[in-house]
Amino acid sequence: MAVEFEDSVPEVSIIRKLNTTVFSKPPPFLTKLLLKTKLIKNENQAHTILIIIVVLGILITLYNFGLFRSIKNYIIQHRTIYREDLTPEELEQLPPDVLKTLPTRNK
């Protein structure tokens, strides 16, 4: 047996008015703009697209400021170079002191 409320009860009518006036705000400008393109069907899809745009913007900003390049350079600078990795021309150019400090793969 379900309980049903009538609109004549003042508390129920107040709650319904609040739900229709206060809690139902119009969508933000960018959401409306995306909905007008007719490529997106509802507000949830518009919010998802906006989040993707923000994440892409952050990644592009990081790339432009060179964060990814500095990480790549750090990795390249801190990798181990073995004697076997060098070409014969490079081995000839290295001084013997430096050549002795390079590790070998064959131990």
C-alpha atoms as a PDB file:
ATOM      1  CA  MET A   1       0.000   0.000   0.000  1.00  0.00           C
ATOM      2  CA  ALA A   2       1.680   3.201  -1.185  1.00  0.00           C
ATOM      3  CA  VAL A   3       1.291   6.501   0.597  1.00  0.00           C
ATOM      4  CA  GLU A   4       0.307   9.363  -1.683  1.00  0.00           C
ATOM      5  CA  PHE A   5       0.406  13.020  -0.754  1.00  0.00           C
ATOM      6  CA  GLU A   6      -1.973  15.561  -2.084  1.00  0.00           C
ATOM      7  CA  ASP A   7      -1.055  19.080  -3.119  1.00  0.00           C
ATOM      8  CA  SER A   8      -3.480  20.408  -0.563  1.00  0.00           C
ATOM      9  CA  VAL A   9      -0.963  19.596   2.183  1.00  0.00           C
ATOM     10  CA  PRO A  10       1.101  22.810   2.588  1.00  0.00           C
ATOM     11  CA  GLU A  11       4.456  21.082   3.154  1.00  0.00           C
ATOM     12  CA  VAL A  12       4.201  19.059  -0.066  1.00  0.00           C
ATOM     13  CA  SER A  13       3.265  22.069  -2.178  1.00  0.00           C
ATOM     14  CA  ILE A  14       6.174  24.079  -0.730  1.00  0.00           C
ATOM     15  CA  ILE A  15       8.635  21.272  -1.526  1.00  0.00           C
ATOM     16  CA  ARG A  16       7.333  21.011  -5.097  1.00  0.00           C
ATOM     17  CA  LYS A  17       7.666  24.778  -5.571  1.00  0.00           C
ATOM     18  CA  LEU A  18      11.228  24.674  -4.237  1.00  0.00           C
ATOM     19  CA  ASN A  19      12.124  21.831  -6.580  1.00  0.00           C
ATOM     20  CA  THR A  20      10.806  23.681  -9.607  1.00  0.00           C
ATOM     21  CA  THR A  21      12.148  27.147  -8.776  1.00  0.00           C
ATOM     22  CA  VAL A  22      15.290  27.016  -6.626  1.00  0.00           C
ATOM     23  CA  PHE A  23      16.863  23.710  -7.591  1.00  0.00           C
ATOM     24  CA  SER A  24      16.279  23.853 -11.337  1.00  0.00           C
ATOM     25  CA  LYS A  25      18.840  26.390 -12.494  1.00  0.00           C
ATOM     26  CA  PRO A  26      19.363  27.025 -16.185  1.00  0.00           C
ATOM     27  CA  PRO A  27      22.468  25.345 -17.617  1.00  0.00           C
ATOM     28  CA  PRO A  28      25.700  27.386 -17.734  1.00  0.00           C
ATOM     29  CA  PHE A  29      26.638  29.340 -20.867  1.00  0.00           C
ATOM     30  CA  LEU A  30      29.175  26.862 -22.271  1.00  0.00           C
ATOM     31  CA  THR A  31      26.800  23.954 -21.710  1.00  0.00           C
ATOM     32  CA  LYS A  32      24.043  25.822 -23.554  1.00  0.00           C
ATOM     33  CA  LEU A  33      26.473  26.639 -26.336  1.00  0.00           C
ATOM     34  CA  LEU A  34      27.398  22.970 -26.749  1.00  0.00           C
ATOM     35  CA  LEU A  35      23.743  21.940 -26.666  1.00  0.00           C
ATOM     36  CA  LYS A  36      22.924  24.427 -29.422  1.00  0.00           C
ATOM     37  CA  THR A  37      25.394  22.718 -31.771  1.00  0.00           C
ATOM     38  CA  LYS A  38      23.073  19.679 -31.745  1.00  0.00           C
ATOM     39  CA  LEU A  39      26.129  17.388 -31.597  1.00  0.00           C
ATOM     40  CA  ILE A  40      25.455  16.697 -27.933  1.00  0.00           C
ATOM     41  CA  LYS A  41      22.190  15.299 -26.642  1.00  0.00           C
ATOM     42  CA  ASN A  42      22.139  16.217 -22.955  1.00  0.00           C
ATOM     43  CA  GLU A  43      23.903  18.188 -20.219  1.00  0.00           C
ATOM     44  CA  ASN A  44      25.942  15.216 -18.980  1.00  0.00           C
ATOM     45  CA  GLN A  45      27.559  14.804 -22.381  1.00  0.00           C
ATOM     46  CA  ALA A  46      28.253  18.539 -22.486  1.00  0.00           C
ATOM     47  CA  HIS A  47      29.947  18.379 -19.084  1.00  0.00           C
ATOM     48  CA  THR A  48      32.056  15.428 -20.239  1.00  0.00           C
ATOM     49  CA  ILE A  49      33.169  17.324 -23.350  1.00  0.00           C
ATOM     50  CA  LEU A  50      34.053  20.376 -21.246  1.00  0.00           C
ATOM     51  CA  ILE A  51      36.152  18.253 -18.869  1.00  0.00           C
ATOM     52  CA  ILE A  52      37.989  16.732 -21.850  1.00  0.00           C
ATOM     53  CA  ILE A  53      38.650  20.232 -23.218  1.00  0.00           C
ATOM     54  CA  VAL A  54      40.082  21.333 -19.852  1.00  0.00           C
ATOM     55  CA  VAL A  55      42.352  18.270 -19.589  1.00  0.00           C
ATOM     56  CA  LEU A  56      43.610  18.801 -23.147  1.00  0.00           C
ATOM     57  CA  GLY A  57      44.264  22.451 -22.350  1.00  0.00           C
ATOM     58  CA  ILE A  58      46.330  21.495 -19.306  1.00  0.00           C
ATOM     59  CA  LEU A  59      48.358  18.973 -21.322  1.00  0.00           C
ATOM     60  CA  ILE A  60      49.014  21.510 -24.081  1.00  0.00           C
ATOM     61  CA  THR A  61      50.113  24.062 -21.482  1.00  0.00           C
ATOM     62  CA  LEU A  62      52.505  21.585 -19.883  1.00  0.00           C
ATOM     63  CA  TYR A  63      53.929  20.733 -23.291  1.00  0.00           C
ATOM     64  CA  ASN A  64      54.395  24.406 -24.183  1.00  0.00           C
ATOM     65  CA  PHE A  65      56.217  25.124 -20.944  1.00  0.00           C
ATOM     66  CA  GLY A  66      58.560  22.230 -21.668  1.00  0.00           C
ATOM     67  CA  LEU A  67      57.713  20.010 -18.735  1.00  0.00           C
ATOM     68  CA  PHE A  68      57.640  16.885 -20.898  1.00  0.00           C
ATOM     69  CA  ARG A  69      60.929  17.842 -22.557  1.00  0.00           C
ATOM     70  CA  SER A  70      62.622  18.378 -19.208  1.00  0.00           C
ATOM     71  CA  ILE A  71      61.470  14.947 -18.002  1.00  0.00           C
ATOM     72  CA  LYS A  72      62.773  13.373 -21.223  1.00  0.00           C
ATOM     73  CA  ASN A  73      66.112  15.194 -20.857  1.00  0.00           C
ATOM     74  CA  TYR A  74      66.406  14.057 -17.243  1.00  0.00           C
ATOM     75  CA  ILE A  75      65.899  10.434 -18.282  1.00  0.00           C
ATOM     76  CA  ILE A  76      68.382  10.742 -21.142  1.00  0.00           C
ATOM     77  CA  GLN A  77      71.020  12.413 -18.960  1.00  0.00           C
ATOM     78  CA  HIS A  78      70.735   9.838 -16.193  1.00  0.00           C
ATOM     79  CA  ARG A  79      70.878   6.661 -18.219  1.00  0.00           C
ATOM     80  CA  THR A  80      73.979   4.466 -18.054  1.00  0.00           C
ATOM     81  CA  ILE A  81      76.264   4.483 -21.080  1.00  0.00           C
ATOM     82  CA  TYR A  82      78.277   1.317 -21.571  1.00  0.00           C
ATOM     83  CA  ARG A  83      81.516   0.960 -23.536  1.00  0.00           C
ATOM     84  CA  GLU A  84      79.826  -1.399 -25.945  1.00  0.00           C
ATOM     85  CA  ASP A  85      77.231   1.265 -26.824  1.00  0.00           C
ATOM     86  CA  LEU A  86      79.876   3.621 -28.206  1.00  0.00           C
ATOM     87  CA  THR A  87      81.019   3.555 -31.822  1.00  0.00           C
ATOM     88  CA  PRO A  88      84.743   3.004 -32.600  1.00  0.00           C
ATOM     89  CA  GLU A  89      85.053   6.671 -33.573  1.00  0.00           C
ATOM     90  CA  GLU A  90      83.661   7.765 -30.211  1.00  0.00           C
ATOM     91  CA  LEU A  91      85.998   5.366 -28.397  1.00  0.00           C
ATOM     92  CA  GLU A  92      89.007   6.885 -30.172  1.00  0.00           C
ATOM     93  CA  GLN A  93      87.990  10.413 -29.200  1.00  0.00           C
ATOM     94  CA  LEU A  94      87.557   9.635 -25.502  1.00  0.00           C
ATOM     95  CA  PRO A  95      90.547  10.136 -23.215  1.00  0.00           C
ATOM     96  CA  PRO A  96      91.778   6.972 -21.466  1.00  0.00           C
ATOM     97  CA  ASP A  97      90.752   8.332 -18.055  1.00  0.00           C
ATOM     98  CA  VAL A  98      87.134   8.686 -19.133  1.00  0.00           C
ATOM     99  CA  LEU A  99      87.188   5.335 -20.925  1.00  0.00           C
ATOM    100  CA  LYS A 100      88.225   3.600 -17.691  1.00  0.00           C
ATOM    101  CA  THR A 101      85.218   5.076 -15.847  1.00  0.00           C
ATOM    102  CA  LEU A 102      82.649   3.685 -18.311  1.00  0.00           C
ATOM    103  CA  PRO A 103      81.114   0.383 -17.175  1.00  0.00           C
ATOM    104  CA  THR A 104      81.018  -2.686 -19.411  1.00  0.00           C
ATOM    105  CA  ARG A 105      78.178  -5.111 -19.938  1.00  0.00           C
ATOM    106  CA  ASN A 106      80.561  -8.104 -19.905  1.00  0.00           C
ATOM    107  CA  LYS A 107      81.538  -8.772 -16.300  1.00  0.00           C
END
